[in-house]
């Protein structure tokens, strides 16, 4: 890059052309500053701002908005006052009018030494409550799926911004130089689509690599075109070297080009992945006991079980941020009893297996596991058996990675309609995640379009009360 800029500075260019080329390089200057002068590999391992408690993240995304008062937020008054009007003002209508209070169809019991309440939707996850840290006072700014998904994933519900996985990989690099730093398994193609795992204005190597997509069975989800059985590896290396030489000559001619620079990096990574990815994606070397633990022997749990097992394998092999998605199933405006039950049956055993497996392999202590949807549901009914969107209150839980185990933070009102202080916004969740990974969220920035951007924008406070 230095050679390019020396030649660039010796040219006499019109003012507009100079500004165009200079602005295109601002992002590279920011990246170079973070990477350090000695290593220009964007995925090289880098040190955080301070000693981290977590080294990696697994995000279990429940797309659609699980109902908190039917899963982890026990509300006995909801059962007592079933069928009565809500005794205080509702938020404005989101999708359609809601009516009187609707009790949960499921029974809640206390579990573990912590005594955490869990509904009988999640009998297997309930066994792990002493590992879990519940945040029951979550809230978001958007009541629509698209905006809420973007806010959860990127911190903004109105602008295209880098995803949280991209920010994590930008800050820490990847522990495995032969794999992407950020992988998303069977991601959604709606409600923001690729913007939920895009690197946006961050350099291309920090974008999430999708493995499969919604509608593709997890058994068929593969990184495409990863094996080349026709061309010997040494010939491939020669072909790539020649293509890269041409690409770099183009950069010398045109000046900084983030798209071209991204392609250069992607070619190199794709070449290295040929040696790593095929064996990583092959579950054949997993024991039958492990496969059964994740539910691969059961058609109900097999699909999400494969995602969770692959998340463990990717994390174990140095991928920094892995997302698995249960897409798009939790949006019960009707048929709450039937569909929430079916959804929970698909994910309960695999999630339990993942927590057991991570702990057994010594990975849970420095792996941050996050379970979340994009919002909660209303305690008031839609129709006879449904709940509307509710961004004012919902529950997420975390495990491992430096959070307090067997702990509950925050609460909602007596019926679960509004979160109560201390409320936790998505910005606060993001700030806390970065803190656990060793970053001051105010300092993890990238300069773009004349300003320094960060995952938390101009918001966010670390939720210190959940940190062990």
Protein backbone atom coordinates (compact mmCIF):
# COMPACT_ATOMS: atom_id res chain seq x y z
CA UNK A 1 0.00 0.00 0.00
CA UNK A 2 2.92 2.35 0.70
CA UNK A 3 4.25 1.88 -2.84
CA UNK A 4 0.83 2.66 -4.24
CA UNK A 5 0.48 5.86 -2.26
CA UNK A 6 3.98 7.03 -3.21
CA UNK A 7 3.05 6.73 -6.87
CA UNK A 8 -0.35 8.31 -6.19
CA UNK A 9 1.16 11.35 -4.47
CA UNK A 10 3.50 11.97 -7.41
CA UNK A 11 0.59 12.24 -9.82
CA UNK A 12 -1.13 15.51 -10.65
CA UNK A 13 -4.83 14.78 -10.40
CA UNK A 14 -7.93 16.95 -10.52
CA UNK A 15 -9.22 17.84 -7.06
CA UNK A 16 -12.37 15.68 -7.38
CA UNK A 17 -10.37 12.63 -8.44
CA UNK A 18 -7.94 13.14 -5.58
CA UNK A 19 -10.80 13.33 -3.05
CA UNK A 20 -12.45 10.27 -4.55
CA UNK A 21 -9.32 8.16 -4.25
CA UNK A 22 -8.43 9.51 -0.82
CA UNK A 23 -11.89 8.86 0.63
CA UNK A 24 -11.85 5.31 -0.74
CA UNK A 25 -8.72 4.68 1.28
CA UNK A 26 -9.94 6.01 4.64
CA UNK A 27 -11.29 2.61 5.59
CA UNK A 28 -7.98 0.99 4.76
CA UNK A 29 -6.15 3.50 6.97
CA UNK A 30 -8.47 2.61 9.87
CA UNK A 31 -7.94 -1.08 9.22
CA UNK A 32 -4.18 -0.67 8.96
CA UNK A 33 -4.15 1.14 12.28
CA UNK A 34 -5.97 -1.71 13.98
CA UNK A 35 -3.91 -4.43 12.32
CA UNK A 36 -0.56 -2.82 12.99
CA UNK A 37 2.16 -2.11 10.49
CA UNK A 38 3.69 -5.60 10.50
CA UNK A 39 0.66 -7.70 9.54
CA UNK A 40 -1.81 -6.77 6.82
CA UNK A 41 -3.82 -10.03 6.99
CA UNK A 42 -7.29 -8.84 8.04
CA UNK A 43 -8.04 -12.14 9.80
CA UNK A 44 -4.85 -12.29 11.85
CA UNK A 45 -5.39 -12.79 15.58
CA UNK A 46 -5.34 -9.44 17.37
CA UNK A 47 -5.29 -8.43 20.99
CA UNK A 48 -8.37 -6.76 22.51
CA UNK A 49 -8.24 -3.63 24.66
CA UNK A 50 -8.05 -5.59 27.92
CA UNK A 51 -8.01 -9.18 29.18
CA UNK A 52 -11.15 -10.87 27.85
CA UNK A 53 -13.43 -13.34 29.60
CA UNK A 54 -14.65 -14.79 26.30
CA UNK A 55 -12.79 -15.65 23.10
CA UNK A 56 -15.66 -16.53 20.81
CA UNK A 57 -19.46 -16.30 20.45
CA UNK A 58 -22.19 -18.76 19.50
CA UNK A 59 -25.48 -17.00 18.80
CA UNK A 60 -28.65 -19.13 18.90
CA UNK A 61 -31.20 -17.01 17.04
CA UNK A 62 -34.90 -17.75 17.46
CA UNK A 63 -36.40 -15.89 14.50
CA UNK A 64 -39.96 -14.66 14.96
CA UNK A 65 -40.04 -13.60 18.59
CA UNK A 66 -40.52 -16.28 21.26
CA UNK A 67 -43.01 -15.48 23.99
CA UNK A 68 -41.14 -14.70 27.19
CA UNK A 69 -44.14 -15.33 29.46
CA UNK A 70 -44.49 -18.81 27.94
CA UNK A 71 -40.82 -19.77 28.23
CA UNK A 72 -38.64 -18.18 30.93
CA UNK A 73 -40.58 -15.26 32.49
CA UNK A 74 -43.10 -16.76 34.92
CA UNK A 75 -46.18 -14.57 35.50
CA UNK A 76 -48.61 -16.15 38.01
CA UNK A 77 -50.97 -13.14 37.79
CA UNK A 78 -51.42 -13.85 34.11
CA UNK A 79 -52.99 -17.17 35.04
CA UNK A 80 -55.06 -15.63 37.85
CA UNK A 81 -56.41 -12.83 35.66
CA UNK A 82 -56.85 -14.83 32.45
CA UNK A 83 -59.62 -13.31 30.33
CA UNK A 84 -59.63 -9.98 32.13
CA UNK A 85 -58.59 -6.65 30.56
CA UNK A 86 -55.00 -5.52 31.04
CA UNK A 87 -55.19 -3.17 34.06
CA UNK A 88 -53.00 -0.49 32.46
CA UNK A 89 -52.50 1.11 29.06
CA UNK A 90 -51.24 -0.99 26.17
CA UNK A 91 -48.62 0.19 23.73
CA UNK A 92 -49.99 1.13 20.35
CA UNK A 93 -51.23 -1.68 18.13
CA UNK A 94 -48.47 -3.46 16.25
CA UNK A 95 -50.11 -5.91 13.86
CA UNK A 96 -53.74 -6.07 14.95
CA UNK A 97 -55.82 -5.37 17.99
CA UNK A 98 -55.17 -7.45 21.09
CA UNK A 99 -57.86 -8.13 23.65
CA UNK A 100 -57.84 -9.53 27.17
CA UNK A 101 -55.08 -11.30 29.07
CA UNK A 102 -54.11 -14.78 27.87
CA UNK A 103 -52.64 -17.21 30.39
CA UNK A 104 -49.74 -19.43 29.41
CA UNK A 105 -50.81 -22.91 28.30
CA UNK A 106 -47.69 -24.32 29.99
CA UNK A 107 -46.77 -24.99 33.59
CA UNK A 108 -43.70 -23.39 35.15
CA UNK A 109 -41.40 -25.04 37.66
CA UNK A 110 -38.28 -23.95 39.51
CA UNK A 111 -35.04 -25.69 38.61
CA UNK A 112 -31.50 -26.03 39.89
CA UNK A 113 -29.93 -24.42 42.91
CA UNK A 114 -30.74 -21.01 41.44
CA UNK A 115 -34.45 -21.81 41.45
CA UNK A 116 -34.96 -20.32 38.00
CA UNK A 117 -38.48 -20.64 36.62
CA UNK A 118 -38.76 -22.42 33.26
CA UNK A 119 -41.90 -23.59 31.50
CA UNK A 120 -42.29 -27.21 30.54
CA UNK A 121 -41.65 -26.16 26.94
CA UNK A 122 -37.93 -26.46 27.71
CA UNK A 123 -37.36 -29.51 29.95
CA UNK A 124 -33.80 -30.07 28.68
CA UNK A 125 -32.64 -26.45 28.81
CA UNK A 126 -34.12 -26.33 32.33
CA UNK A 127 -31.42 -28.78 33.44
CA UNK A 128 -28.82 -26.09 32.70
CA UNK A 129 -30.32 -23.11 34.53
CA UNK A 130 -27.37 -22.97 36.93
CA UNK A 131 -25.18 -22.22 33.89
CA UNK A 132 -27.51 -19.59 32.45
CA UNK A 133 -27.67 -15.84 32.97
CA UNK A 134 -31.16 -14.53 32.19
CA UNK A 135 -31.78 -10.91 31.20
CA UNK A 136 -35.52 -10.43 31.66
CA UNK A 137 -35.71 -6.67 31.12
CA UNK A 138 -34.75 -6.53 27.45
CA UNK A 139 -36.39 -4.05 25.11
CA UNK A 140 -35.94 -2.83 21.54
CA UNK A 141 -36.93 0.14 19.43
CA UNK A 142 -38.81 -1.56 16.60
CA UNK A 143 -41.97 -3.63 16.58
CA UNK A 144 -41.58 -5.02 13.06
CA UNK A 145 -39.56 -8.11 12.24
CA UNK A 146 -37.33 -6.44 9.66
CA UNK A 147 -36.32 -3.48 11.80
CA UNK A 148 -36.03 -5.57 14.96
CA UNK A 149 -33.80 -8.17 13.27
CA UNK A 150 -31.50 -5.47 11.95
CA UNK A 151 -31.36 -3.79 15.36
CA UNK A 152 -30.50 -7.07 17.07
CA UNK A 153 -27.87 -8.00 14.50
CA UNK A 154 -26.38 -4.62 13.60
CA UNK A 155 -27.47 -2.08 16.22
CA UNK A 156 -29.52 -0.05 13.72
CA UNK A 157 -33.09 -0.60 12.55
CA UNK A 158 -32.97 2.07 9.85
CA UNK A 159 -29.49 2.03 8.22
CA UNK A 160 -27.23 -0.61 6.71
CA UNK A 161 -24.56 -1.23 9.33
CA UNK A 162 -21.99 -3.97 10.01
CA UNK A 163 -23.35 -6.95 11.92
CA UNK A 164 -22.17 -7.73 15.43
CA UNK A 165 -20.33 -10.80 14.13
CA UNK A 166 -18.46 -8.57 11.70
CA UNK A 167 -17.48 -6.16 14.48
CA UNK A 168 -16.23 -9.05 16.62
CA UNK A 169 -14.14 -10.47 13.79
CA UNK A 170 -12.85 -6.99 12.89
CA UNK A 171 -11.68 -6.56 16.46
CA UNK A 172 -10.25 -10.01 17.16
CA UNK A 173 -9.47 -11.61 13.80
CA UNK A 174 -9.80 -15.37 13.46
CA UNK A 175 -8.03 -18.09 15.40
CA UNK A 176 -8.09 -20.24 12.25
CA UNK A 177 -6.53 -18.63 9.19
CA UNK A 178 -7.99 -21.35 6.97
CA UNK A 179 -11.60 -20.55 7.86
CA UNK A 180 -13.72 -17.40 7.89
CA UNK A 181 -13.85 -15.59 11.20
CA UNK A 182 -17.67 -15.40 11.08
CA UNK A 183 -20.01 -18.16 9.90
CA UNK A 184 -23.81 -18.10 9.90
CA UNK A 185 -25.61 -21.44 9.43
CA UNK A 186 -28.93 -21.53 7.56
CA UNK A 187 -29.54 -17.76 7.92
CA UNK A 188 -32.79 -16.03 7.12
CA UNK A 189 -33.31 -14.51 3.67
CA UNK A 190 -36.12 -12.23 4.82
CA UNK A 191 -36.45 -9.38 7.34
CA UNK A 192 -33.16 -7.77 6.37
CA UNK A 193 -31.70 -10.82 4.70
CA UNK A 194 -27.96 -10.64 4.08
CA UNK A 195 -27.79 -7.27 5.86
CA UNK A 196 -28.10 -9.22 9.12
CA UNK A 197 -24.67 -10.79 8.56
CA UNK A 198 -23.08 -8.24 6.23
CA UNK A 199 -19.88 -6.36 6.99
CA UNK A 200 -21.44 -3.25 5.34
CA UNK A 201 -18.66 -0.62 5.22
CA UNK A 202 -16.17 -2.79 7.13
CA UNK A 203 -13.74 -4.59 4.79
CA UNK A 204 -15.20 -7.64 3.07
CA UNK A 205 -13.24 -10.31 5.03
CA UNK A 206 -15.35 -9.50 8.10
CA UNK A 207 -18.65 -10.38 6.45
CA UNK A 208 -20.47 -13.49 7.65
CA UNK A 209 -20.03 -16.56 5.46
CA UNK A 210 -23.44 -18.21 5.00
CA UNK A 211 -23.57 -22.00 5.10
CA UNK A 212 -26.90 -22.97 3.58
CA UNK A 213 -29.95 -20.77 4.05
CA UNK A 214 -33.50 -20.91 5.33
CA UNK A 215 -35.35 -23.70 3.57
CA UNK A 216 -32.18 -25.73 3.02
CA UNK A 217 -32.01 -28.75 5.36
CA UNK A 218 -28.99 -28.54 7.64
CA UNK A 219 -27.75 -31.88 6.32
CA UNK A 220 -27.43 -30.23 2.88
CA UNK A 221 -25.93 -26.96 4.15
CA UNK A 222 -22.37 -26.82 2.88
CA UNK A 223 -19.82 -24.21 1.94
CA UNK A 224 -20.19 -24.43 -1.86
CA UNK A 225 -17.43 -25.19 -4.36
CA UNK A 226 -14.95 -25.92 -1.59
CA UNK A 227 -13.32 -28.92 -3.26
CA UNK A 228 -11.60 -28.89 -6.64
CA UNK A 229 -11.08 -32.45 -7.86
CA UNK A 230 -10.00 -31.42 -11.36
CA UNK A 231 -7.00 -29.14 -10.82
CA UNK A 232 -3.98 -30.15 -8.69
CA UNK A 233 -3.32 -27.90 -5.73
CA UNK A 234 0.04 -26.61 -7.03
CA UNK A 235 -1.59 -25.59 -10.32
CA UNK A 236 -4.39 -23.85 -8.44
CA UNK A 237 -1.77 -21.93 -6.47
CA UNK A 238 -0.13 -20.79 -9.71
CA UNK A 239 -3.48 -19.72 -11.15
CA UNK A 240 -4.38 -17.75 -8.03
CA UNK A 241 -0.95 -16.11 -7.90
CA UNK A 242 -1.35 -14.94 -11.49
CA UNK A 243 -4.88 -13.62 -10.86
CA UNK A 244 -3.71 -11.84 -7.72
CA UNK A 245 -0.84 -10.24 -9.61
CA UNK A 246 -3.32 -8.82 -12.10
CA UNK A 247 -5.60 -7.65 -9.28
CA UNK A 248 -2.77 -5.83 -7.53
CA UNK A 249 -1.70 -4.19 -10.78
CA UNK A 250 -5.27 -2.99 -11.13
CA UNK A 251 -5.08 -1.50 -7.64
CA UNK A 252 -1.89 0.33 -8.60
CA UNK A 253 -3.76 1.83 -11.54
CA UNK A 254 -7.12 2.69 -9.99
CA UNK A 255 -6.19 3.35 -6.39
CA UNK A 256 -7.91 1.89 -3.31
CA UNK A 257 -10.89 -0.27 -4.19
CA UNK A 258 -12.53 -2.03 -1.24
CA UNK A 259 -14.46 -4.44 -3.48
CA UNK A 260 -11.32 -5.53 -5.32
CA UNK A 261 -9.31 -5.73 -2.11
CA UNK A 262 -12.05 -7.92 -0.68
CA UNK A 263 -11.87 -10.25 -3.67
CA UNK A 264 -8.10 -10.56 -3.27
CA UNK A 265 -8.55 -11.63 0.34
CA UNK A 266 -11.47 -13.97 -0.49
CA UNK A 267 -9.43 -15.82 -3.15
CA UNK A 268 -6.67 -16.47 -0.64
CA UNK A 269 -9.08 -17.60 2.06
CA UNK A 270 -10.99 -19.85 -0.36
CA UNK A 271 -7.73 -21.55 -1.35
CA UNK A 272 -6.80 -22.20 2.28
CA UNK A 273 -10.32 -23.42 3.10
CA UNK A 274 -9.97 -26.34 0.69
CA UNK A 275 -7.70 -28.05 3.20
CA UNK A 276 -9.79 -27.26 6.31
CA UNK A 277 -13.48 -27.00 5.49
CA UNK A 278 -14.28 -30.45 4.03
CA UNK A 279 -13.23 -32.36 7.14
CA UNK A 280 -14.79 -29.76 9.42
CA UNK A 281 -18.17 -30.10 7.70
CA UNK A 282 -18.04 -33.91 7.80
CA UNK A 283 -19.81 -35.20 10.91
CA UNK A 284 -18.71 -38.76 10.20
CA UNK A 285 -15.97 -38.65 12.82
CA UNK A 286 -18.42 -37.71 15.58
CA UNK A 287 -19.39 -40.58 17.87
CA UNK A 288 -22.86 -42.08 17.73
CA UNK A 289 -23.30 -41.01 21.36
CA UNK A 290 -22.62 -37.39 20.41
CA UNK A 291 -24.94 -37.50 17.42
CA UNK A 292 -27.71 -38.98 19.54
CA UNK A 293 -27.12 -36.38 22.26
CA UNK A 294 -27.75 -33.61 19.70
CA UNK A 295 -30.85 -35.42 18.41
CA UNK A 296 -29.56 -36.39 14.99
CA UNK A 297 -31.42 -39.71 15.31
CA UNK A 298 -34.78 -37.94 15.62
CA UNK A 299 -36.44 -36.20 12.65
CA UNK A 300 -37.88 -33.56 15.01
CA UNK A 301 -34.50 -32.46 16.40
CA UNK A 302 -32.16 -33.52 13.60
CA UNK A 303 -32.09 -30.27 11.64
CA UNK A 304 -31.37 -27.86 14.49
CA UNK A 305 -29.20 -30.50 16.14
CA UNK A 306 -26.93 -30.52 13.10
CA UNK A 307 -26.66 -26.75 13.26
CA UNK A 308 -25.70 -26.82 16.94
CA UNK A 309 -23.17 -29.62 16.45
CA UNK A 310 -21.63 -27.74 13.54
CA UNK A 311 -21.48 -24.60 15.70
CA UNK A 312 -19.47 -26.52 18.29
CA UNK A 313 -17.12 -27.88 15.61
CA UNK A 314 -16.59 -24.46 14.05
CA UNK A 315 -15.97 -22.81 17.42
CA UNK A 316 -13.61 -25.58 18.44
CA UNK A 317 -11.63 -25.05 15.23
CA UNK A 318 -11.15 -21.33 15.81
CA UNK A 319 -14.10 -19.62 14.09
CA UNK A 320 -14.66 -16.48 16.14
CA UNK A 321 -18.44 -15.94 15.73
CA UNK A 322 -20.96 -18.63 14.79
CA UNK A 323 -24.69 -18.08 14.39
CA UNK A 324 -27.35 -20.76 14.08
CA UNK A 325 -30.90 -19.77 13.21
CA UNK A 326 -34.25 -21.37 13.90
CA UNK A 327 -35.92 -19.55 11.04
CA UNK A 328 -38.73 -18.21 10.80
CA UNK A 329 -40.99 -20.08 13.21
CA UNK A 330 -41.70 -18.21 16.44
CA UNK A 331 -44.23 -15.65 15.19
CA UNK A 332 -47.40 -17.00 16.78
CA UNK A 333 -50.18 -14.48 16.16
CA UNK A 334 -52.34 -17.60 16.30
CA UNK A 335 -51.86 -21.27 17.19
CA UNK A 336 -49.58 -20.41 20.10
CA UNK A 337 -50.10 -23.71 21.89
CA UNK A 338 -49.45 -25.85 18.82
CA UNK A 339 -46.58 -23.95 17.23
CA UNK A 340 -44.57 -22.86 20.27
CA UNK A 341 -44.69 -26.47 21.42
CA UNK A 342 -43.43 -27.71 18.05
CA UNK A 343 -40.69 -25.08 17.93
CA UNK A 344 -39.45 -25.87 21.42
CA UNK A 345 -39.34 -29.60 20.67
CA UNK A 346 -37.08 -28.88 17.70
CA UNK A 347 -34.53 -26.81 19.63
CA UNK A 348 -34.66 -27.86 23.29
CA UNK A 349 -32.57 -31.04 23.10
CA UNK A 350 -29.95 -29.62 20.66
CA UNK A 351 -29.41 -26.51 22.82
CA UNK A 352 -29.02 -28.67 25.91
CA UNK A 353 -26.55 -30.89 24.06
CA UNK A 354 -24.52 -27.88 22.93
CA UNK A 355 -24.18 -26.59 26.49
CA UNK A 356 -23.24 -30.05 27.75
CA UNK A 357 -20.72 -30.56 24.94
CA UNK A 358 -19.07 -27.17 25.33
CA UNK A 359 -18.72 -27.66 29.07
CA UNK A 360 -17.37 -31.20 28.67
CA UNK A 361 -14.70 -30.00 26.25
CA UNK A 362 -13.67 -27.08 28.44
CA UNK A 363 -14.96 -24.57 25.89
CA UNK A 364 -17.89 -23.06 27.76
CA UNK A 365 -15.76 -21.00 30.10
CA UNK A 366 -14.46 -18.84 27.24
CA UNK A 367 -17.32 -19.23 24.75
CA UNK A 368 -20.19 -16.78 25.10
CA UNK A 369 -23.49 -18.46 24.15
CA UNK A 370 -26.39 -16.10 23.44
CA UNK A 371 -30.02 -17.20 23.01
CA UNK A 372 -32.35 -14.49 21.70
CA UNK A 373 -35.19 -13.56 19.42
CA UNK A 374 -35.87 -10.12 17.98
CA UNK A 375 -38.62 -9.22 20.50
CA UNK A 376 -41.16 -10.79 22.87
CA UNK A 377 -44.92 -11.18 22.72
CA UNK A 378 -47.90 -9.48 24.35
CA UNK A 379 -49.62 -10.99 27.40
CA UNK A 380 -52.89 -9.91 25.78
CA UNK A 381 -54.46 -12.21 23.21
CA UNK A 382 -54.76 -11.97 19.46
CA UNK A 383 -57.77 -14.06 18.56
CA UNK A 384 -58.27 -16.97 20.90
CA UNK A 385 -54.75 -18.41 20.84
CA UNK A 386 -52.10 -15.91 19.74
CA UNK A 387 -49.90 -13.05 20.87
CA UNK A 388 -48.72 -9.92 19.06
CA UNK A 389 -45.17 -8.56 18.75
CA UNK A 390 -43.85 -6.85 21.86
CA UNK A 391 -40.51 -5.01 21.73
CA UNK A 392 -41.17 -3.46 25.14
CA UNK A 393 -40.27 -6.60 27.08
CA UNK A 394 -38.59 -9.93 26.42
CA UNK A 395 -36.00 -12.35 27.76
CA UNK A 396 -32.61 -13.40 26.45
CA UNK A 397 -30.13 -15.66 28.16
CA UNK A 398 -26.38 -16.06 28.02
CA UNK A 399 -24.04 -18.79 29.19
CA UNK A 400 -20.28 -19.17 29.65
CA UNK A 401 -17.89 -16.45 28.54
CA UNK A 402 -17.68 -14.58 31.83
CA UNK A 403 -21.35 -14.07 32.71
CA UNK A 404 -22.78 -14.92 36.14
CA UNK A 405 -24.16 -18.48 36.10
CA UNK A 406 -27.52 -19.22 37.66
CA UNK A 407 -28.37 -15.53 37.70
CA UNK A 408 -31.37 -13.39 36.70
CA UNK A 409 -31.07 -9.71 35.85
CA UNK A 410 -34.01 -7.33 35.51
CA UNK A 411 -37.71 -8.05 35.34
CA UNK A 412 -40.99 -7.16 33.71
CA UNK A 413 -44.28 -5.95 35.17
CA UNK A 414 -46.77 -8.36 36.71
CA UNK A 415 -48.06 -9.46 33.30
CA UNK A 416 -44.89 -9.17 31.20
CA UNK A 417 -45.97 -6.23 29.06
CA UNK A 418 -43.18 -3.77 29.90
CA UNK A 419 -39.63 -4.28 31.09
CA UNK A 420 -38.73 -2.62 34.38
CA UNK A 421 -35.55 -0.86 35.43
CA UNK A 422 -32.82 -1.71 34.98
CA UNK A 423 -33.92 -2.02 31.36
CA UNK A 424 -31.47 -3.48 28.84
CA UNK A 425 -31.58 -2.31 25.21
CA UNK A 426 -29.92 -4.08 22.30
CA UNK A 427 -27.18 -1.42 22.46
CA UNK A 428 -26.48 -2.42 26.06
CA UNK A 429 -26.40 -6.11 25.11
CA UNK A 430 -23.90 -5.35 22.34
CA UNK A 431 -21.74 -3.22 24.65
CA UNK A 432 -21.71 -6.05 27.19
CA UNK A 433 -20.83 -8.69 24.59
CA UNK A 434 -17.89 -6.60 23.40
CA UNK A 435 -16.78 -6.02 27.00
CA UNK A 436 -16.74 -9.77 27.66
CA UNK A 437 -14.58 -10.15 24.54
CA UNK A 438 -12.14 -7.56 25.90
CA UNK A 439 -13.29 -4.41 24.11
CA UNK A 440 -14.34 -0.98 25.21
CA UNK A 441 -17.28 -0.50 22.84
CA UNK A 442 -16.53 3.24 22.70
CA UNK A 443 -13.06 2.55 21.27
CA UNK A 444 -13.82 -0.24 18.78
CA UNK A 445 -14.47 2.09 15.85
CA UNK A 446 -14.12 2.28 12.08
CA UNK A 447 -13.90 5.54 10.17
CA UNK A 448 -16.33 5.80 7.30
CA UNK A 449 -18.02 8.72 5.51
CA UNK A 450 -16.26 11.26 7.69
CA UNK A 451 -17.08 9.85 11.12
CA UNK A 452 -16.09 7.07 13.49
CA UNK A 453 -18.71 4.32 13.63
CA UNK A 454 -19.16 1.64 16.27
CA UNK A 455 -21.55 -1.23 16.89
CA UNK A 456 -23.36 0.71 19.62
CA UNK A 457 -23.50 3.94 17.57
CA UNK A 458 -23.86 6.73 20.17
CA UNK A 459 -25.58 4.53 22.75
CA UNK A 460 -24.94 1.54 24.97
CA UNK A 461 -23.84 0.79 28.51
CA UNK A 462 -22.15 -2.36 29.75
CA UNK A 463 -24.50 -4.37 31.96
CA UNK A 464 -21.96 -4.82 34.73
CA UNK A 465 -24.44 -6.65 36.94
CA UNK A 466 -24.26 -9.84 34.83
CA UNK A 467 -20.46 -10.06 34.63
CA UNK A 468 -18.86 -12.69 36.84
